[in-house]
N, C-alpha and C. Protein backbone atom coordinates (compact mmCIF):
# COMPACT_ATOMS: atom_id res chain seq x y z
N UNK A 1 0.82 -1.17 -0.03
CA UNK A 1 -0.02 -0.07 -0.08
C UNK A 1 0.88 1.27 -0.03
N UNK A 2 0.36 2.34 -0.76
CA UNK A 2 1.18 3.41 -0.77
C UNK A 2 0.71 4.42 0.31
N UNK A 3 1.56 5.13 0.95
CA UNK A 3 1.16 6.21 1.90
C UNK A 3 0.96 7.46 1.35
N UNK A 4 -0.35 8.03 1.70
CA UNK A 4 -0.55 9.25 1.20
C UNK A 4 0.49 10.56 1.86
N UNK A 5 0.53 11.48 1.42
CA UNK A 5 1.29 12.54 1.86
C UNK A 5 0.65 13.32 2.91
N UNK A 6 -0.61 13.56 2.86
CA UNK A 6 -1.13 14.34 3.73
C UNK A 6 -2.17 13.38 4.60
N UNK A 7 -1.99 13.05 5.88
CA UNK A 7 -2.71 12.08 6.60
C UNK A 7 -3.38 12.73 7.74
N UNK A 8 -3.54 14.06 7.60
CA UNK A 8 -4.49 14.37 8.75
C UNK A 8 -5.89 14.26 8.53
N UNK A 9 -6.70 13.74 9.40
CA UNK A 9 -8.28 13.27 9.36
C UNK A 9 -8.69 14.13 10.39
N UNK A 10 -9.89 14.99 10.05
CA UNK A 10 -10.61 15.64 11.00
C UNK A 10 -11.91 14.89 11.40
N UNK A 11 -12.11 14.82 12.59
CA UNK A 11 -13.38 14.21 12.98
C UNK A 11 -14.19 14.98 13.63
N UNK A 12 -15.28 15.15 12.93
CA UNK A 12 -16.21 16.49 13.59
C UNK A 12 -17.48 16.04 14.13
N UNK A 13 -17.68 16.61 15.14
CA UNK A 13 -18.96 15.88 16.05
C UNK A 13 -20.02 17.23 16.08
N UNK A 14 -21.37 16.87 15.92
CA UNK A 14 -22.37 17.91 15.91
C UNK A 14 -23.06 18.06 17.47
N UNK A 15 -24.17 18.64 17.46
CA UNK A 15 -24.81 18.87 18.80
C UNK A 15 -24.96 17.78 19.75
N UNK A 16 -24.93 17.93 20.99
CA UNK A 16 -25.22 17.02 22.09
C UNK A 16 -24.25 15.87 22.09
N UNK A 17 -23.40 15.77 21.17
CA UNK A 17 -22.40 14.58 21.42
C UNK A 17 -21.22 14.94 22.53
N UNK A 18 -21.37 15.88 22.91
CA UNK A 18 -20.47 16.30 23.94
C UNK A 18 -21.14 15.80 25.42
N UNK A 19 -22.24 15.11 25.33
CA UNK A 19 -22.97 14.64 26.40
C UNK A 19 -23.13 13.14 26.33
N UNK A 20 -22.43 12.47 25.52
CA UNK A 20 -22.14 10.90 25.29
C UNK A 20 -21.75 10.53 26.61
N UNK A 21 -22.39 9.21 26.79
CA UNK A 21 -22.11 8.52 28.16
C UNK A 21 -23.22 9.14 29.27
N UNK A 22 -23.92 10.14 29.11
CA UNK A 22 -24.79 10.54 30.06
C UNK A 22 -26.29 10.73 29.21
N UNK A 23 -26.13 10.99 27.87
CA UNK A 23 -27.49 11.28 27.33
C UNK A 23 -27.84 9.99 26.68
N UNK A 24 -29.30 9.39 27.16
CA UNK A 24 -29.77 8.24 26.64
C UNK A 24 -28.88 6.96 26.17
N UNK A 25 -28.14 6.41 27.40
CA UNK A 25 -27.15 5.58 27.08
C UNK A 25 -27.80 4.22 26.43
N UNK A 26 -29.19 4.19 26.69
CA UNK A 26 -29.76 3.05 25.99
C UNK A 26 -29.78 2.96 24.34
N UNK A 27 -29.41 4.25 23.67
CA UNK A 27 -29.52 4.56 22.53
C UNK A 27 -27.99 4.79 22.13
N UNK A 28 -27.23 5.57 22.86
CA UNK A 28 -25.85 5.92 22.41
C UNK A 28 -24.75 5.06 23.12
N UNK A 29 -24.97 4.29 24.48
CA UNK A 29 -24.13 3.74 24.98
C UNK A 29 -23.55 4.53 26.19
N UNK A 30 -22.47 4.10 26.76
CA UNK A 30 -21.80 4.44 28.10
C UNK A 30 -20.73 5.23 27.88
N UNK A 31 -20.15 5.07 26.63
CA UNK A 31 -18.81 5.59 26.25
C UNK A 31 -18.94 7.15 25.92
N UNK A 32 -17.93 8.00 26.38
CA UNK A 32 -17.86 9.47 26.26
C UNK A 32 -17.36 9.93 25.22
N UNK A 33 -17.46 11.10 24.71
CA UNK A 33 -16.67 11.77 23.51
C UNK A 33 -15.25 11.66 23.81
N UNK A 34 -14.79 12.06 24.96
CA UNK A 34 -13.37 11.77 25.36
C UNK A 34 -12.81 10.24 25.08
N UNK A 35 -13.47 9.46 25.15
CA UNK A 35 -13.19 8.00 25.14
C UNK A 35 -13.00 7.68 23.57
N UNK A 36 -13.91 8.40 22.74
CA UNK A 36 -13.75 8.36 21.29
C UNK A 36 -12.74 8.97 20.85
N UNK A 37 -12.21 10.20 21.42
CA UNK A 37 -11.12 10.75 20.98
C UNK A 37 -9.95 10.04 21.45
N UNK A 38 -9.87 9.66 22.39
CA UNK A 38 -8.60 9.03 22.77
C UNK A 38 -8.32 7.55 21.83
N UNK A 39 -9.53 6.90 21.80
CA UNK A 39 -9.39 5.60 20.69
C UNK A 39 -8.99 6.16 19.42
N UNK A 40 -9.55 7.28 18.91
CA UNK A 40 -9.29 7.46 17.38
C UNK A 40 -7.97 8.14 17.18
N UNK A 41 -7.54 8.89 18.17
CA UNK A 41 -5.98 9.24 18.13
C UNK A 41 -5.07 8.07 17.92
N UNK A 42 -5.20 7.22 18.95
CA UNK A 42 -4.53 5.89 19.18
C UNK A 42 -4.49 5.09 17.85
N UNK A 43 -5.79 4.72 17.30
CA UNK A 43 -6.14 4.05 15.95
C UNK A 43 -5.37 4.69 15.07
N UNK A 44 -5.54 6.14 14.88
CA UNK A 44 -5.18 6.80 13.80
C UNK A 44 -3.53 6.77 13.92
N UNK A 45 -3.11 6.90 14.75
CA UNK A 45 -1.67 6.92 15.01
C UNK A 45 -1.24 5.26 14.36
N UNK A 46 -1.70 4.24 14.90
CA UNK A 46 -1.58 2.86 14.28
C UNK A 46 -1.81 2.69 12.74
N UNK A 47 -2.68 3.59 12.24
CA UNK A 47 -3.00 3.55 10.70
C UNK A 47 -2.29 4.64 10.01
N UNK A 48 -1.30 5.39 10.71
CA UNK A 48 -0.44 6.31 10.08
C UNK A 48 -1.31 7.34 9.77
N UNK A 49 -2.35 7.91 10.59
CA UNK A 49 -3.27 9.15 10.19
C UNK A 49 -3.07 9.99 11.46
N UNK A 50 -2.99 11.13 11.08
CA UNK A 50 -2.86 12.24 12.20
C UNK A 50 -4.36 12.87 12.52
N UNK A 51 -4.82 12.52 13.56
CA UNK A 51 -6.46 12.53 13.79
C UNK A 51 -6.49 13.60 14.70
N UNK A 52 -7.50 14.60 14.12
CA UNK A 52 -7.97 15.77 15.08
C UNK A 52 -9.49 15.86 15.45
N UNK A 53 -9.90 15.98 16.44
CA UNK A 53 -11.40 16.02 16.76
C UNK A 53 -11.76 17.31 17.20
N UNK A 54 -13.20 17.62 16.75
CA UNK A 54 -13.96 18.72 17.23
C UNK A 54 -15.28 18.45 17.29
N UNK A 55 -15.90 19.25 18.30
CA UNK A 55 -17.21 18.97 18.55
C UNK A 55 -18.04 20.50 18.86
N UNK A 56 -19.00 20.46 18.23
CA UNK A 56 -19.88 21.73 18.45
C UNK A 56 -21.24 21.55 18.48
N UNK A 57 -21.85 22.44 19.21
CA UNK A 57 -23.16 22.45 19.19
C UNK A 57 -23.83 23.55 18.45
N UNK A 58 -22.91 24.28 17.53
CA UNK A 58 -23.28 25.36 16.89
C UNK A 58 -22.98 24.87 15.32
N UNK A 59 -23.93 25.06 14.57
CA UNK A 59 -23.96 24.73 12.86
C UNK A 59 -22.79 25.44 12.48
N UNK A 60 -22.65 26.94 12.73
CA UNK A 60 -21.56 27.58 12.05
C UNK A 60 -20.28 27.12 12.43
N UNK A 61 -20.01 26.72 13.88
CA UNK A 61 -18.62 26.10 13.99
C UNK A 61 -18.35 24.91 13.26
N UNK A 62 -19.44 24.07 13.14
CA UNK A 62 -18.99 23.04 12.38
C UNK A 62 -18.63 23.37 10.78
N UNK A 63 -19.54 24.18 10.28
CA UNK A 63 -18.98 24.72 8.93
C UNK A 63 -17.56 25.32 8.91
N UNK A 64 -17.38 26.11 10.00
CA UNK A 64 -15.83 26.75 9.97
C UNK A 64 -14.86 25.68 9.99
N UNK A 65 -15.30 24.62 10.92
CA UNK A 65 -14.09 23.48 10.89
C UNK A 65 -13.80 22.88 9.49
N UNK A 66 -15.15 22.53 8.79
CA UNK A 66 -15.00 22.15 7.52
C UNK A 66 -14.30 23.02 6.45
N UNK A 67 -14.38 24.10 6.37
CA UNK A 67 -13.64 25.13 5.68
C UNK A 67 -12.29 25.25 6.07
N UNK A 68 -11.90 24.92 7.29
CA UNK A 68 -10.66 25.03 7.80
C UNK A 68 -9.55 23.76 7.28
N UNK A 69 -10.71 22.50 7.11
CA UNK A 69 -10.26 21.39 6.72
C UNK A 69 -9.61 21.47 5.22
N UNK A 70 -10.34 22.35 4.38
CA UNK A 70 -9.99 22.46 3.11
C UNK A 70 -8.32 22.55 2.78
N UNK A 71 -7.70 23.28 3.73
CA UNK A 71 -6.41 23.63 3.58
C UNK A 71 -5.31 22.55 4.47
N UNK A 72 -5.82 22.01 5.13
CA UNK A 72 -5.10 20.98 5.74
C UNK A 72 -5.20 19.50 6.02
N UNK A 73 -6.63 19.35 5.79
CA UNK A 73 -6.80 17.65 6.19
C UNK A 73 -7.21 16.92 4.68
N UNK A 74 -6.78 15.56 4.71
CA UNK A 74 -7.07 14.83 3.58
C UNK A 74 -8.47 14.21 3.69
N UNK A 75 -8.90 14.17 4.76
CA UNK A 75 -10.47 13.55 4.85
C UNK A 75 -11.01 14.19 5.91
N UNK A 76 -12.47 13.95 6.04
CA UNK A 76 -13.27 14.16 6.99
C UNK A 76 -14.29 13.11 7.35
N UNK A 77 -14.25 12.82 8.71
CA UNK A 77 -15.40 11.87 9.27
C UNK A 77 -16.14 12.94 9.98
N UNK A 78 -17.41 12.59 9.96
CA UNK A 78 -18.39 13.51 10.44
C UNK A 78 -19.69 12.99 10.93
N UNK A 79 -19.95 13.14 12.26
CA UNK A 79 -21.30 12.83 12.87
C UNK A 79 -21.89 14.14 13.05
N UNK A 80 -22.74 14.50 12.15
CA UNK A 80 -23.36 15.71 12.35
C UNK A 80 -24.60 15.85 13.20
N UNK A 81 -24.72 14.78 13.84
CA UNK A 81 -25.94 14.73 14.95
C UNK A 81 -27.09 15.04 14.32
N UNK A 82 -28.13 15.92 14.83
CA UNK A 82 -29.13 16.44 14.48
C UNK A 82 -29.15 17.41 13.20
N UNK A 83 -28.05 18.09 13.11
CA UNK A 83 -27.69 18.68 11.72
C UNK A 83 -27.76 17.74 10.54
N UNK A 84 -27.63 16.36 10.56
CA UNK A 84 -27.62 15.43 9.56
C UNK A 84 -28.88 15.76 8.71
N UNK A 85 -30.02 16.02 9.50
CA UNK A 85 -31.43 16.11 8.95
C UNK A 85 -31.84 17.55 8.45
N UNK A 86 -31.17 18.55 8.45
CA UNK A 86 -31.59 19.90 8.56
C UNK A 86 -30.48 20.83 7.93
N UNK A 87 -29.10 20.48 7.98
CA UNK A 87 -28.27 21.52 7.38
C UNK A 87 -27.83 21.27 6.02
N UNK A 88 -28.26 22.07 5.27
CA UNK A 88 -27.90 22.39 3.91
C UNK A 88 -26.56 23.14 3.96
N UNK A 89 -26.22 23.93 5.09
CA UNK A 89 -25.17 24.88 5.07
C UNK A 89 -23.78 23.77 5.48
N UNK A 90 -24.08 22.71 6.26
CA UNK A 90 -23.04 21.62 6.33
C UNK A 90 -22.79 20.98 5.00
N UNK A 91 -23.92 20.59 4.39
CA UNK A 91 -23.81 19.66 3.15
C UNK A 91 -22.96 20.81 1.96
N UNK A 92 -23.35 22.17 1.84
CA UNK A 92 -22.56 22.94 0.97
C UNK A 92 -21.17 23.14 1.36
N UNK A 93 -20.78 23.05 2.68
CA UNK A 93 -19.20 23.10 2.90
C UNK A 93 -18.83 21.74 2.71
N UNK A 94 -19.35 20.52 3.06
CA UNK A 94 -18.58 19.30 2.57
C UNK A 94 -18.35 19.56 1.16
N UNK A 95 -19.47 19.85 0.42
CA UNK A 95 -19.15 19.82 -1.17
C UNK A 95 -18.11 20.75 -1.75
N UNK A 96 -17.54 21.41 -0.86
CA UNK A 96 -16.30 22.40 -1.11
C UNK A 96 -15.15 21.64 -0.70
N UNK A 97 -15.26 20.59 -0.24
CA UNK A 97 -14.03 19.80 0.44
C UNK A 97 -13.69 18.68 -0.60
N UNK A 98 -12.54 18.64 -1.09
CA UNK A 98 -11.99 17.68 -2.15
C UNK A 98 -11.92 16.37 -1.74
N UNK A 99 -11.43 16.08 -0.35
CA UNK A 99 -11.11 14.75 0.06
C UNK A 99 -12.11 13.62 0.43
N UNK A 100 -12.15 12.61 0.92
CA UNK A 100 -13.06 11.73 1.06
C UNK A 100 -13.75 12.44 2.48
N UNK A 101 -15.23 11.93 2.56
CA UNK A 101 -16.27 12.29 3.77
C UNK A 101 -16.79 10.85 4.16
N UNK A 102 -16.71 10.56 5.37
CA UNK A 102 -17.58 9.47 6.00
C UNK A 102 -18.30 10.14 6.98
N UNK A 103 -19.86 9.44 6.80
CA UNK A 103 -20.77 9.99 7.71
C UNK A 103 -21.06 8.90 8.54
N UNK A 104 -20.90 9.32 10.18
CA UNK A 104 -21.02 8.31 11.09
C UNK A 104 -22.25 8.80 11.96
N UNK A 105 -23.05 7.60 12.13
CA UNK A 105 -24.12 7.61 13.23
C UNK A 105 -24.04 6.64 14.11
N UNK A 106 -23.88 6.84 15.54
CA UNK A 106 -23.76 5.96 16.59
C UNK A 106 -25.26 5.03 16.56
N UNK A 107 -26.41 5.61 16.52
CA UNK A 107 -27.59 4.69 16.55
C UNK A 107 -27.88 4.46 15.00
N UNK A 108 -28.74 3.47 15.09
CA UNK A 108 -29.32 2.99 13.74
C UNK A 108 -30.54 4.07 13.22
N UNK A 109 -30.04 5.11 12.81
CA UNK A 109 -30.98 5.92 12.39
C UNK A 109 -32.45 5.62 11.72
N UNK A 110 -32.12 4.53 10.91
CA UNK A 110 -33.51 3.99 10.25
C UNK A 110 -34.39 3.09 10.83
N UNK A 111 -33.99 2.94 12.05
CA UNK A 111 -34.97 2.29 13.16
C UNK A 111 -35.47 3.30 14.03
N UNK A 112 -35.38 4.58 13.75
CA UNK A 112 -35.74 5.64 14.75
C UNK A 112 -36.78 6.29 14.06
N UNK A 113 -37.00 7.61 14.45
CA UNK A 113 -38.17 8.53 13.98
C UNK A 113 -37.89 8.72 12.48
N UNK A 114 -39.02 8.90 11.87
CA UNK A 114 -39.24 9.07 10.33
C UNK A 114 -38.01 10.10 9.93
N UNK A 115 -38.19 11.32 10.65
CA UNK A 115 -37.64 12.47 10.27
C UNK A 115 -36.01 12.24 10.16
N UNK A 116 -35.40 11.12 11.08
CA UNK A 116 -34.12 10.86 11.02
C UNK A 116 -33.62 9.97 9.79
N UNK A 117 -34.53 9.56 9.14
CA UNK A 117 -34.15 8.62 7.88
C UNK A 117 -33.47 9.55 6.70
N UNK A 118 -33.76 10.84 6.74
CA UNK A 118 -33.17 11.62 5.62
C UNK A 118 -31.86 12.20 6.20
N UNK A 119 -30.75 12.00 5.37
CA UNK A 119 -29.64 12.97 5.64
C UNK A 119 -29.07 13.90 4.28
N UNK A 120 -28.97 14.97 4.65
CA UNK A 120 -28.28 15.90 3.66
C UNK A 120 -26.85 15.69 3.37
N UNK A 121 -26.18 15.24 4.51
CA UNK A 121 -24.74 14.97 4.46
C UNK A 121 -24.51 13.54 3.82
N UNK A 122 -25.43 12.74 3.68
CA UNK A 122 -25.23 11.68 2.53
C UNK A 122 -25.32 11.95 1.25
N UNK A 123 -25.74 13.14 0.97
CA UNK A 123 -25.57 13.41 -0.38
C UNK A 123 -24.04 13.70 -1.00
N UNK A 124 -23.30 14.00 0.00
CA UNK A 124 -21.88 14.21 -0.33
C UNK A 124 -20.90 13.16 0.39
N UNK A 125 -21.35 12.37 1.27
CA UNK A 125 -20.59 11.31 1.75
C UNK A 125 -20.21 10.27 0.88
N UNK A 126 -18.80 9.72 1.02
CA UNK A 126 -18.54 8.60 0.10
C UNK A 126 -18.60 7.35 0.80
N UNK A 127 -19.22 7.31 2.10
CA UNK A 127 -19.81 6.21 2.81
C UNK A 127 -20.34 6.68 4.05
N UNK A 128 -21.38 5.80 4.40
CA UNK A 128 -22.01 5.94 5.46
C UNK A 128 -22.15 4.87 6.51
N UNK A 129 -21.98 5.23 7.90
CA UNK A 129 -21.79 4.04 8.94
C UNK A 129 -22.83 4.43 9.98
N UNK A 130 -23.79 3.58 10.11
CA UNK A 130 -24.94 3.73 11.04
C UNK A 130 -25.27 2.66 11.85
N UNK A 131 -25.43 2.70 13.09
CA UNK A 131 -26.01 1.76 14.15
C UNK A 131 -24.71 0.82 14.60
N UNK A 132 -23.56 1.17 14.52
CA UNK A 132 -22.46 0.16 14.93
C UNK A 132 -21.99 0.74 16.39
N UNK A 133 -22.77 1.68 16.96
CA UNK A 133 -22.23 2.37 18.22
C UNK A 133 -21.18 2.97 17.92
N UNK A 134 -20.06 3.43 18.97
CA UNK A 134 -19.13 4.03 18.82
C UNK A 134 -18.07 3.38 18.13
N UNK A 135 -18.19 2.19 17.88
CA UNK A 135 -17.40 1.45 17.06
C UNK A 135 -17.32 1.90 15.46
N UNK A 136 -18.20 2.73 15.38
CA UNK A 136 -18.43 3.37 13.86
C UNK A 136 -17.32 4.05 13.53
N UNK A 137 -16.66 4.78 14.58
CA UNK A 137 -15.66 5.69 14.58
C UNK A 137 -14.34 4.80 14.14
N UNK A 138 -14.20 3.69 14.71
CA UNK A 138 -13.24 2.89 14.36
C UNK A 138 -13.26 2.49 12.95
N UNK A 139 -14.49 1.77 12.54
CA UNK A 139 -14.77 1.57 11.13
C UNK A 139 -14.74 2.61 9.95
N UNK A 140 -14.87 3.74 10.63
CA UNK A 140 -14.69 5.09 9.60
C UNK A 140 -13.07 5.28 9.19
N UNK A 141 -12.24 5.20 10.77
CA UNK A 141 -10.94 5.28 10.46
C UNK A 141 -10.32 4.31 9.40
N UNK A 142 -10.70 3.16 9.58
CA UNK A 142 -10.04 2.07 8.96
C UNK A 142 -10.34 2.40 7.36
N UNK A 143 -11.76 2.55 7.11
CA UNK A 143 -12.09 2.67 5.86
C UNK A 143 -11.51 4.04 5.14
N UNK A 144 -11.31 5.11 5.86
CA UNK A 144 -10.53 6.28 5.61
C UNK A 144 -9.30 6.04 5.11
N UNK A 145 -8.48 5.16 6.06
CA UNK A 145 -7.10 4.91 5.61
C UNK A 145 -6.97 4.13 4.28
N UNK A 146 -7.97 3.16 4.29
CA UNK A 146 -7.96 2.48 2.72
C UNK A 146 -8.33 3.48 1.73
N UNK A 147 -9.23 4.27 1.82
CA UNK A 147 -9.69 5.27 0.80
C UNK A 147 -8.34 6.04 0.32
N UNK A 148 -7.69 6.52 1.39
CA UNK A 148 -6.36 7.56 1.30
C UNK A 148 -5.48 6.67 0.45
N UNK A 149 -5.15 5.53 0.98
CA UNK A 149 -4.20 4.45 0.33
C UNK A 149 -4.44 4.17 -1.12
N UNK A 150 -5.86 4.15 -1.43
CA UNK A 150 -6.06 3.78 -2.77
C UNK A 150 -6.11 4.98 -3.72
N UNK A 151 -6.06 6.14 -2.97
CA UNK A 151 -6.19 7.30 -3.85
C UNK A 151 -4.92 7.67 -4.95
């Protein structure tokens, strides 16, 4: 496998994900965002990726991070949370990003309320991972490494 020059991956998390471990553990599990961050950085290191995580409860903060990623990141993994179903602004920002985008959802959104079945982000995503719990981030990092190696 060839190694890409830029190995920076941004993992972006949307609203309420800062409350993982406390918020509806029957849906989202007991692991915290800090757990996901530590695991992602460690796995990224093993995969030869430089991983940076960001979380915001504000749509504009996520859009700003996507804009910043255009200059420094090879790929984006994003769990837009509730903005999945509402944010054309996030879709537009992702559409201006040249690298691969992987959409992650901790819960199986298609087994939940009907409004959660639609994703604007999926219109740009190169892959979507849903219903795997926080393990979805691990799967996304492995797939991102593969996408970058195949590029």
